[in-house]
C-alpha atoms as a PDB file:
ATOM      1  CA  UNK A   1      -7.879   1.299 -11.126  1.00  0.00           C
ATOM      2  CA  UNK A   2      -4.575  -0.139 -12.214  1.00  0.00           C
ATOM      3  CA  UNK A   3      -2.474  -2.068  -9.712  1.00  0.00           C
ATOM      4  CA  UNK A   4       1.305  -1.802  -9.991  1.00  0.00           C
ATOM      5  CA  UNK A   5       2.934  -4.932  -8.582  1.00  0.00           C
ATOM      6  CA  UNK A   6       5.617  -4.341  -5.968  1.00  0.00           C
ATOM      7  CA  UNK A   7       7.961  -7.308  -6.339  1.00  0.00           C
ATOM      8  CA  UNK A   8      11.431  -5.890  -5.721  1.00  0.00           C
ATOM      9  CA  UNK A   9      12.855  -3.805  -2.880  1.00  0.00           C
ATOM     10  CA  UNK A  10      14.582  -1.675  -5.515  1.00  0.00           C
ATOM     11  CA  UNK A  11      11.196  -0.383  -6.679  1.00  0.00           C
ATOM     12  CA  UNK A  12      10.833   1.593  -3.450  1.00  0.00           C
ATOM     13  CA  UNK A  13      13.341   4.197  -4.647  1.00  0.00           C
ATOM     14  CA  UNK A  14      11.218   4.784  -7.747  1.00  0.00           C
ATOM     15  CA  UNK A  15       8.015   4.869  -5.668  1.00  0.00           C
ATOM     16  CA  UNK A  16       9.571   7.450  -3.349  1.00  0.00           C
ATOM     17  CA  UNK A  17      10.637   9.502  -6.356  1.00  0.00           C
ATOM     18  CA  UNK A  18       7.075   9.480  -7.706  1.00  0.00           C
ATOM     19  CA  UNK A  19       5.804  10.505  -4.256  1.00  0.00           C
ATOM     20  CA  UNK A  20       7.678  13.808  -4.560  1.00  0.00           C
ATOM     21  CA  UNK A  21       5.096  14.947  -7.125  1.00  0.00           C
ATOM     22  CA  UNK A  22       1.986  12.954  -6.251  1.00  0.00           C
ATOM     23  CA  UNK A  23       0.473  10.875  -3.487  1.00  0.00           C
ATOM     24  CA  UNK A  24       1.336   7.191  -3.801  1.00  0.00           C
ATOM     25  CA  UNK A  25      -0.388   4.249  -2.104  1.00  0.00           C
ATOM     26  CA  UNK A  26       1.119   0.885  -1.163  1.00  0.00           C
ATOM     27  CA  UNK A  27      -1.407  -1.851  -0.373  1.00  0.00           C
ATOM     28  CA  UNK A  28       0.033  -4.726   1.661  1.00  0.00           C
ATOM     29  CA  UNK A  29      -2.222  -7.727   1.033  1.00  0.00           C
ATOM     30  CA  UNK A  30      -2.332 -11.233   2.453  1.00  0.00           C
ATOM     31  CA  UNK A  31      -3.796 -13.654  -0.051  1.00  0.00           C
ATOM     32  CA  UNK A  32      -4.703 -15.932   2.880  1.00  0.00           C
ATOM     33  CA  UNK A  33      -6.829 -13.405   4.779  1.00  0.00           C
ATOM     34  CA  UNK A  34     -10.509 -12.746   4.134  1.00  0.00           C
ATOM     35  CA  UNK A  35     -10.319  -9.276   5.720  1.00  0.00           C
ATOM     36  CA  UNK A  36      -7.492  -8.415   3.344  1.00  0.00           C
ATOM     37  CA  UNK A  37      -9.573  -9.684   0.414  1.00  0.00           C
ATOM     38  CA  UNK A  38     -12.456  -7.441   1.473  1.00  0.00           C
ATOM     39  CA  UNK A  39     -10.168  -4.405   1.759  1.00  0.00           C
ATOM     40  CA  UNK A  40      -8.749  -5.127  -1.707  1.00  0.00           C
ATOM     41  CA  UNK A  41     -12.263  -5.402  -3.139  1.00  0.00           C
ATOM     42  CA  UNK A  42     -13.229  -2.055  -1.530  1.00  0.00           C
ATOM     43  CA  UNK A  43     -10.226  -0.397  -3.162  1.00  0.00           C
ATOM     44  CA  UNK A  44     -11.049  -1.931  -6.544  1.00  0.00           C
ATOM     45  CA  UNK A  45     -14.568  -0.470  -6.402  1.00  0.00           C
ATOM     46  CA  UNK A  46     -13.301   3.104  -6.045  1.00  0.00           C
ATOM     47  CA  UNK A  47     -13.855   4.648  -9.449  1.00  0.00           C
ATOM     48  CA  UNK A  48     -12.353   8.013  -8.548  1.00  0.00           C
ATOM     49  CA  UNK A  49      -9.004   6.781  -7.218  1.00  0.00           C
ATOM     50  CA  UNK A  50      -6.401   9.085  -8.725  1.00  0.00           C
ATOM     51  CA  UNK A  51      -3.328   7.955  -6.802  1.00  0.00           C
ATOM     52  CA  UNK A  52      -0.849   5.430  -8.111  1.00  0.00           C
ATOM     53  CA  UNK A  53      -1.361   2.241  -6.120  1.00  0.00           C
ATOM     54  CA  UNK A  54       1.210  -0.488  -5.604  1.00  0.00           C
ATOM     55  CA  UNK A  55       0.184  -4.021  -4.658  1.00  0.00           C
ATOM     56  CA  UNK A  56       2.409  -6.057  -2.360  1.00  0.00           C
ATOM     57  CA  UNK A  57       1.594  -9.760  -1.954  1.00  0.00           C
ATOM     58  CA  UNK A  58       2.759 -10.378   1.615  1.00  0.00           C
ATOM     59  CA  UNK A  59       2.915 -14.127   1.231  1.00  0.00           C
ATOM     60  CA  UNK A  60       5.238 -14.037  -1.762  1.00  0.00           C
ATOM     61  CA  UNK A  61       7.240 -10.938  -0.777  1.00  0.00           C
ATOM     62  CA  UNK A  62       7.411 -10.897   3.017  1.00  0.00           C
ATOM     63  CA  UNK A  63      10.992  -9.588   2.837  1.00  0.00           C
ATOM     64  CA  UNK A  64       9.752  -6.424   1.113  1.00  0.00           C
ATOM     65  CA  UNK A  65       7.029  -5.967   3.725  1.00  0.00           C
ATOM     66  CA  UNK A  66       9.596  -6.329   6.514  1.00  0.00           C
ATOM     67  CA  UNK A  67      11.864  -3.824   4.772  1.00  0.00           C
ATOM     68  CA  UNK A  68       8.995  -1.323   4.464  1.00  0.00           C
ATOM     69  CA  UNK A  69       8.113  -1.736   8.152  1.00  0.00           C
ATOM     70  CA  UNK A  70      11.696  -1.067   9.172  1.00  0.00           C
ATOM     71  CA  UNK A  71      12.383   1.744   6.697  1.00  0.00           C
ATOM     72  CA  UNK A  72       9.233   3.730   7.470  1.00  0.00           C
ATOM     73  CA  UNK A  73       8.928   2.709  11.150  1.00  0.00           C
ATOM     74  CA  UNK A  74       5.466   1.270  10.527  1.00  0.00           C
ATOM     75  CA  UNK A  75       4.256  -1.767  12.435  1.00  0.00           C
ATOM     76  CA  UNK A  76       3.404  -4.593  10.034  1.00  0.00           C
ATOM     77  CA  UNK A  77      -0.295  -5.371   9.729  1.00  0.00           C
ATOM     78  CA  UNK A  78      -2.407  -7.012   7.093  1.00  0.00           C
ATOM     79  CA  UNK A  79      -4.176  -5.617   5.251  1.00  0.00           C
ATOM     80  CA  UNK A  80      -2.402  -2.295   5.354  1.00  0.00           C
ATOM     81  CA  UNK A  81      -2.430   0.776   3.128  1.00  0.00           C
ATOM     82  CA  UNK A  82       0.473   3.219   3.323  1.00  0.00           C
ATOM     83  CA  UNK A  83       0.128   6.746   1.986  1.00  0.00           C
ATOM     84  CA  UNK A  84       3.393   8.301   0.764  1.00  0.00           C
ATOM     85  CA  UNK A  85       4.064  11.966   0.046  1.00  0.00           C
ATOM     86  CA  UNK A  86       7.487  13.527  -0.404  1.00  0.00           C
ATOM     87  CA  UNK A  87       9.240  10.206   0.286  1.00  0.00           C
ATOM     88  CA  UNK A  88       7.536   9.842   3.678  1.00  0.00           C
ATOM     89  CA  UNK A  89       4.670   7.743   4.985  1.00  0.00           C
ATOM     90  CA  UNK A  90       2.088  10.337   5.988  1.00  0.00           C
ATOM     91  CA  UNK A  91      -0.755   7.958   6.853  1.00  0.00           C
ATOM     92  CA  UNK A  92      -1.346   4.275   7.511  1.00  0.00           C
ATOM     93  CA  UNK A  93      -4.723   2.569   7.222  1.00  0.00           C
ATOM     94  CA  UNK A  94      -5.285  -0.939   8.544  1.00  0.00           C
ATOM     95  CA  UNK A  95      -8.086  -3.485   8.270  1.00  0.00           C
ATOM     96  CA  UNK A  96     -11.550  -1.910   8.019  1.00  0.00           C
ATOM     97  CA  UNK A  97     -10.085   1.612   7.933  1.00  0.00           C
ATOM     98  CA  UNK A  98      -9.076   0.904   4.341  1.00  0.00           C
ATOM     99  CA  UNK A  99     -12.042   2.606   2.726  1.00  0.00           C
ATOM    100  CA  UNK A 100     -12.704   5.413   0.292  1.00  0.00           C
ATOM    101  CA  UNK A 101     -13.803   7.796   3.046  1.00  0.00           C
ATOM    102  CA  UNK A 102     -10.325   7.594   4.626  1.00  0.00           C
ATOM    103  CA  UNK A 103      -8.237   8.100   1.487  1.00  0.00           C
ATOM    104  CA  UNK A 104      -6.454  11.382   0.789  1.00  0.00           C
END
């Protein structure tokens, strides 16, 4: 798995563009939360993950997380995994739901 760091609000336009042709994941991670660390570790163990996955450090980039919550009408939680297709959030996984069995 290769993480793509999400560090600029402007990247969302590119992420949406990619989502027109493939499913894209955005993982919102708190570096201060043990549950978030466990969810991140579960994702990193998935050997068959084919989707592009973007990593958002909520502590460093809270403004981007707030923007995402507002733009996609998704309540902020941590950890949180957003599934984008065709420029829309089609699924949201939070906490222990972030697991291979629940991925598209």
